[in-house]
N, C-alpha and C. Protein backbone atom coordinates (compact mmCIF):
# COMPACT_ATOMS: atom_id res chain seq x y z
N MET A 1 -17.24 -14.08 0.84
CA MET A 1 -17.49 -12.46 1.07
C MET A 1 -17.40 -12.00 2.48
N LYS A 2 -18.02 -13.06 3.47
CA LYS A 2 -18.02 -12.81 4.83
C LYS A 2 -16.51 -12.65 5.15
N LYS A 3 -15.86 -13.52 4.77
CA LYS A 3 -14.39 -13.63 5.10
C LYS A 3 -13.76 -12.34 4.65
N PHE A 4 -14.05 -11.69 3.69
CA PHE A 4 -13.22 -10.49 3.15
C PHE A 4 -13.85 -9.29 4.20
N LEU A 5 -15.07 -9.28 4.47
CA LEU A 5 -15.51 -8.34 5.47
C LEU A 5 -14.85 -8.53 6.86
N LEU A 6 -14.59 -9.71 7.30
CA LEU A 6 -14.08 -9.83 8.69
C LEU A 6 -12.60 -9.25 8.50
N VAL A 7 -11.89 -9.51 7.38
CA VAL A 7 -10.52 -9.20 7.13
C VAL A 7 -10.52 -7.43 7.07
N ALA A 8 -11.53 -6.95 6.47
CA ALA A 8 -11.71 -5.41 6.41
C ALA A 8 -11.93 -4.91 7.83
N VAL A 9 -12.70 -5.52 8.55
CA VAL A 9 -13.02 -5.11 9.90
C VAL A 9 -11.69 -5.11 10.66
N GLY A 10 -11.01 -6.28 10.57
CA GLY A 10 -9.69 -6.45 11.17
C GLY A 10 -8.53 -5.11 10.84
N VAL A 11 -8.72 -5.11 9.72
CA VAL A 11 -7.70 -4.00 9.42
C VAL A 11 -8.07 -2.67 9.77
N ALA A 12 -9.51 -2.27 9.71
CA ALA A 12 -10.18 -1.16 10.46
C ALA A 12 -9.79 -0.93 11.83
N ALA A 13 -9.77 -2.05 12.45
CA ALA A 13 -9.39 -2.07 13.85
C ALA A 13 -7.94 -1.50 14.03
N LEU A 14 -7.17 -1.86 12.97
CA LEU A 14 -5.65 -1.13 13.24
C LEU A 14 -5.79 0.30 13.42
N ALA A 15 -6.68 1.05 12.66
CA ALA A 15 -6.57 2.50 12.81
C ALA A 15 -7.40 2.87 14.26
N VAL A 16 -8.27 2.11 14.64
CA VAL A 16 -8.91 2.36 15.92
C VAL A 16 -7.81 2.23 17.07
N SER A 17 -7.00 1.11 16.80
CA SER A 17 -6.01 0.79 17.83
C SER A 17 -4.60 1.65 17.80
N ALA A 18 -4.53 2.33 16.60
CA ALA A 18 -3.50 3.30 16.47
C ALA A 18 -3.84 4.60 17.28
N CYS A 19 -3.19 4.85 18.39
CA CYS A 19 -3.72 5.81 19.54
C CYS A 19 -2.96 7.17 19.20
N SER A 20 -1.86 7.29 18.62
CA SER A 20 -1.21 8.53 18.49
C SER A 20 -1.19 9.02 17.14
N LYS A 21 -1.31 10.18 16.92
CA LYS A 21 -1.40 10.75 15.48
C LYS A 21 0.05 11.01 15.08
N GLY A 22 0.14 10.33 14.04
CA GLY A 22 1.54 10.77 13.27
C GLY A 22 1.39 11.92 12.54
N PRO A 23 2.66 12.41 12.04
CA PRO A 23 2.75 13.65 11.26
C PRO A 23 2.18 13.65 9.96
N GLU A 24 2.04 12.45 9.35
CA GLU A 24 1.67 12.39 8.03
C GLU A 24 0.36 11.69 7.97
N CYS A 25 -0.29 11.09 8.95
CA CYS A 25 -1.63 10.50 8.76
C CYS A 25 -2.51 10.79 9.90
N THR A 26 -3.28 11.52 9.72
CA THR A 26 -4.46 11.79 10.59
C THR A 26 -5.59 10.94 10.72
N GLN A 27 -6.38 11.04 11.57
CA GLN A 27 -7.78 10.26 11.70
C GLN A 27 -8.54 10.31 10.52
N GLU A 28 -8.62 11.40 9.76
CA GLU A 28 -9.30 11.62 8.52
C GLU A 28 -8.83 11.05 7.30
N ILE A 29 -7.50 11.02 7.43
CA ILE A 29 -6.65 10.40 6.34
C ILE A 29 -6.70 8.93 6.49
N ALA A 30 -6.87 8.45 7.66
CA ALA A 30 -6.76 7.04 8.02
C ALA A 30 -8.38 6.48 7.48
N ALA A 31 -9.19 7.23 7.88
CA ALA A 31 -10.52 6.96 7.38
C ALA A 31 -10.73 6.78 6.02
N LYS A 32 -10.39 7.87 5.44
CA LYS A 32 -10.34 7.74 3.83
C LYS A 32 -9.54 6.57 3.21
N LYS A 33 -8.57 6.37 3.87
CA LYS A 33 -7.77 5.11 3.18
C LYS A 33 -8.54 3.88 3.56
N ALA A 34 -9.24 3.70 4.64
CA ALA A 34 -10.20 2.54 4.90
C ALA A 34 -11.16 2.57 3.99
N GLN A 35 -11.73 3.52 3.53
CA GLN A 35 -12.81 3.64 2.46
C GLN A 35 -12.36 3.41 1.26
N ASP A 36 -11.13 3.66 0.87
CA ASP A 36 -10.55 3.42 -0.39
C ASP A 36 -10.21 1.86 -0.53
N MET A 37 -9.77 1.49 0.64
CA MET A 37 -9.30 0.02 0.82
C MET A 37 -10.52 -0.84 0.50
N ALA A 38 -11.59 -0.47 1.29
CA ALA A 38 -12.96 -1.27 1.13
C ALA A 38 -13.49 -1.30 -0.23
N ALA A 39 -13.39 -0.15 -0.97
CA ALA A 39 -13.89 0.08 -2.45
C ALA A 39 -12.92 -0.85 -3.42
N ALA A 40 -11.53 -0.83 -3.04
CA ALA A 40 -10.90 -1.72 -3.89
C ALA A 40 -10.96 -3.14 -3.56
N LEU A 41 -11.43 -3.65 -2.38
CA LEU A 41 -11.60 -4.99 -2.26
C LEU A 41 -13.01 -5.28 -2.79
N GLN A 42 -13.99 -4.40 -2.57
CA GLN A 42 -15.21 -4.64 -3.40
C GLN A 42 -15.13 -4.70 -4.93
N ALA A 43 -14.29 -3.89 -5.45
CA ALA A 43 -14.15 -4.01 -6.93
C ALA A 43 -13.51 -5.32 -7.30
N ALA A 44 -12.42 -5.68 -6.62
CA ALA A 44 -11.78 -6.85 -6.98
C ALA A 44 -12.59 -8.15 -6.80
N ILE A 45 -13.41 -8.20 -5.86
CA ILE A 45 -14.34 -9.30 -5.71
C ILE A 45 -15.42 -9.41 -6.78
N THR A 46 -15.73 -8.13 -7.09
CA THR A 46 -16.85 -8.08 -8.16
C THR A 46 -16.21 -8.50 -9.67
N LYS A 47 -14.92 -7.81 -9.86
CA LYS A 47 -14.22 -8.22 -11.13
C LYS A 47 -14.01 -9.67 -11.26
N ASP A 48 -13.47 -10.41 -10.27
CA ASP A 48 -13.01 -11.77 -10.34
C ASP A 48 -13.21 -12.52 -9.21
N PRO A 49 -14.37 -13.02 -8.82
CA PRO A 49 -14.66 -13.61 -7.56
C PRO A 49 -13.77 -14.89 -7.40
N SER A 50 -13.06 -15.49 -8.46
CA SER A 50 -12.12 -16.42 -8.27
C SER A 50 -10.85 -16.25 -7.56
N LYS A 51 -10.61 -14.94 -7.41
CA LYS A 51 -9.50 -14.37 -6.73
C LYS A 51 -9.66 -14.25 -5.28
N ALA A 52 -10.91 -14.72 -4.92
CA ALA A 52 -11.17 -14.46 -3.41
C ALA A 52 -10.29 -14.94 -2.37
N ALA A 53 -9.80 -16.27 -2.59
CA ALA A 53 -8.81 -16.94 -1.58
C ALA A 53 -7.57 -16.05 -1.68
N ASP A 54 -6.91 -15.68 -2.86
CA ASP A 54 -5.76 -14.99 -3.11
C ASP A 54 -5.93 -13.63 -2.15
N LEU A 55 -6.97 -13.04 -2.42
CA LEU A 55 -6.99 -11.79 -1.94
C LEU A 55 -7.03 -11.64 -0.30
N THR A 56 -7.85 -12.95 0.22
CA THR A 56 -7.74 -13.05 1.59
C THR A 56 -6.52 -13.37 2.10
N ALA A 57 -5.67 -14.16 1.44
CA ALA A 57 -4.59 -14.46 1.97
C ALA A 57 -3.72 -13.21 2.08
N LYS A 58 -3.58 -12.29 0.92
CA LYS A 58 -2.82 -11.08 1.07
C LYS A 58 -3.48 -10.18 2.25
N ALA A 59 -4.67 -10.09 2.40
CA ALA A 59 -5.12 -9.18 3.35
C ALA A 59 -4.55 -9.84 4.76
N GLN A 60 -4.75 -10.94 4.99
CA GLN A 60 -4.22 -11.61 6.17
C GLN A 60 -2.92 -11.38 6.51
N ALA A 61 -2.21 -11.63 5.56
CA ALA A 61 -0.67 -11.22 5.70
C ALA A 61 -0.25 -9.96 6.10
N VAL A 62 -1.02 -8.71 5.48
CA VAL A 62 -0.85 -7.48 5.69
C VAL A 62 -1.47 -7.18 7.15
N THR A 63 -2.48 -7.61 7.37
CA THR A 63 -3.17 -7.56 8.81
C THR A 63 -2.32 -7.97 9.85
N ALA A 64 -1.61 -9.22 9.62
CA ALA A 64 -0.70 -9.86 10.62
C ALA A 64 0.50 -8.78 10.76
N LYS A 65 1.02 -8.49 9.64
CA LYS A 65 2.20 -7.59 9.73
C LYS A 65 1.92 -6.48 10.49
N TYR A 66 0.83 -5.59 10.55
CA TYR A 66 0.66 -4.42 11.22
C TYR A 66 -0.48 -4.64 12.51
N GLN A 67 -0.54 -6.02 13.02
CA GLN A 67 -1.31 -6.17 13.97
C GLN A 67 -1.14 -5.58 15.28
N GLY A 68 0.10 -5.20 15.53
CA GLY A 68 0.55 -4.52 16.62
C GLY A 68 0.78 -2.86 16.49
N ALA A 69 0.15 -2.34 15.38
CA ALA A 69 0.20 -1.03 15.06
C ALA A 69 -0.16 -0.02 16.18
N THR A 70 0.71 0.84 16.49
CA THR A 70 0.36 1.85 17.57
C THR A 70 0.19 3.42 17.05
N THR A 71 0.59 3.46 15.71
CA THR A 71 0.34 4.88 15.21
C THR A 71 -0.46 4.86 14.07
N LEU A 72 -0.98 6.00 13.76
CA LEU A 72 -2.02 6.21 12.56
C LEU A 72 -1.08 5.91 11.49
N ASP A 73 0.14 6.40 11.37
CA ASP A 73 1.12 6.12 10.19
C ASP A 73 1.19 4.75 9.86
N GLU A 74 1.40 3.77 11.01
CA GLU A 74 1.36 2.32 10.59
C GLU A 74 -0.13 1.78 10.02
N ALA A 75 -1.03 2.40 10.50
CA ALA A 75 -2.47 2.00 9.98
C ALA A 75 -2.39 2.41 8.72
N CYS A 76 -2.18 3.64 8.32
CA CYS A 76 -2.11 4.05 6.88
C CYS A 76 -1.22 3.43 5.87
N LYS A 77 0.00 2.87 6.51
CA LYS A 77 0.70 1.96 5.73
C LYS A 77 0.03 0.67 5.36
N ALA A 78 -0.72 0.10 6.35
CA ALA A 78 -1.50 -1.04 6.07
C ALA A 78 -2.60 -0.81 5.17
N TYR A 79 -3.29 0.23 5.29
CA TYR A 79 -4.24 0.34 4.27
C TYR A 79 -3.70 0.50 2.86
N ASP A 80 -2.59 1.31 2.66
CA ASP A 80 -1.98 1.40 1.46
C ASP A 80 -1.68 0.05 0.73
N GLU A 81 -0.94 -0.74 1.70
CA GLU A 81 -0.63 -2.04 1.10
C GLU A 81 -1.82 -2.94 0.61
N LEU A 82 -2.77 -2.81 1.44
CA LEU A 82 -4.02 -3.74 1.12
C LEU A 82 -4.48 -3.08 -0.01
N THR A 83 -4.81 -1.98 -0.23
CA THR A 83 -5.46 -1.26 -1.36
C THR A 83 -4.60 -1.68 -2.60
N ALA A 84 -3.37 -1.66 -2.58
CA ALA A 84 -2.38 -2.02 -3.69
C ALA A 84 -2.60 -3.50 -3.97
N ALA A 85 -2.61 -4.52 -3.09
CA ALA A 85 -2.75 -5.79 -3.21
C ALA A 85 -4.02 -5.88 -3.79
N PHE A 86 -5.20 -5.42 -3.40
CA PHE A 86 -6.57 -5.51 -4.10
C PHE A 86 -6.55 -5.07 -5.42
N LYS A 87 -5.92 -4.00 -5.86
CA LYS A 87 -5.82 -3.55 -7.08
C LYS A 87 -5.01 -4.10 -7.99
N GLY A 88 -3.84 -4.76 -7.43
CA GLY A 88 -2.78 -5.31 -8.25
C GLY A 88 -3.09 -6.81 -8.55
């Protein structure tokens, strides 16, 4: 569980590091997507704790992919990918 929280915090850092506003993703949208992603993660862990390792691997892969995100659009894409991974 702690590992998931660290991954979630890492992804949240993407939005903070995304310094310029994109036309489709505002700070408010990014914050909402972060909340949705955290809720999807929590639901996935609650539903099937045995998938924790798989979810962590997926989250780390997406986090690595967007590590250098410089726009909110990229951060929003990362949140969308993570949310889909946690729900799928």
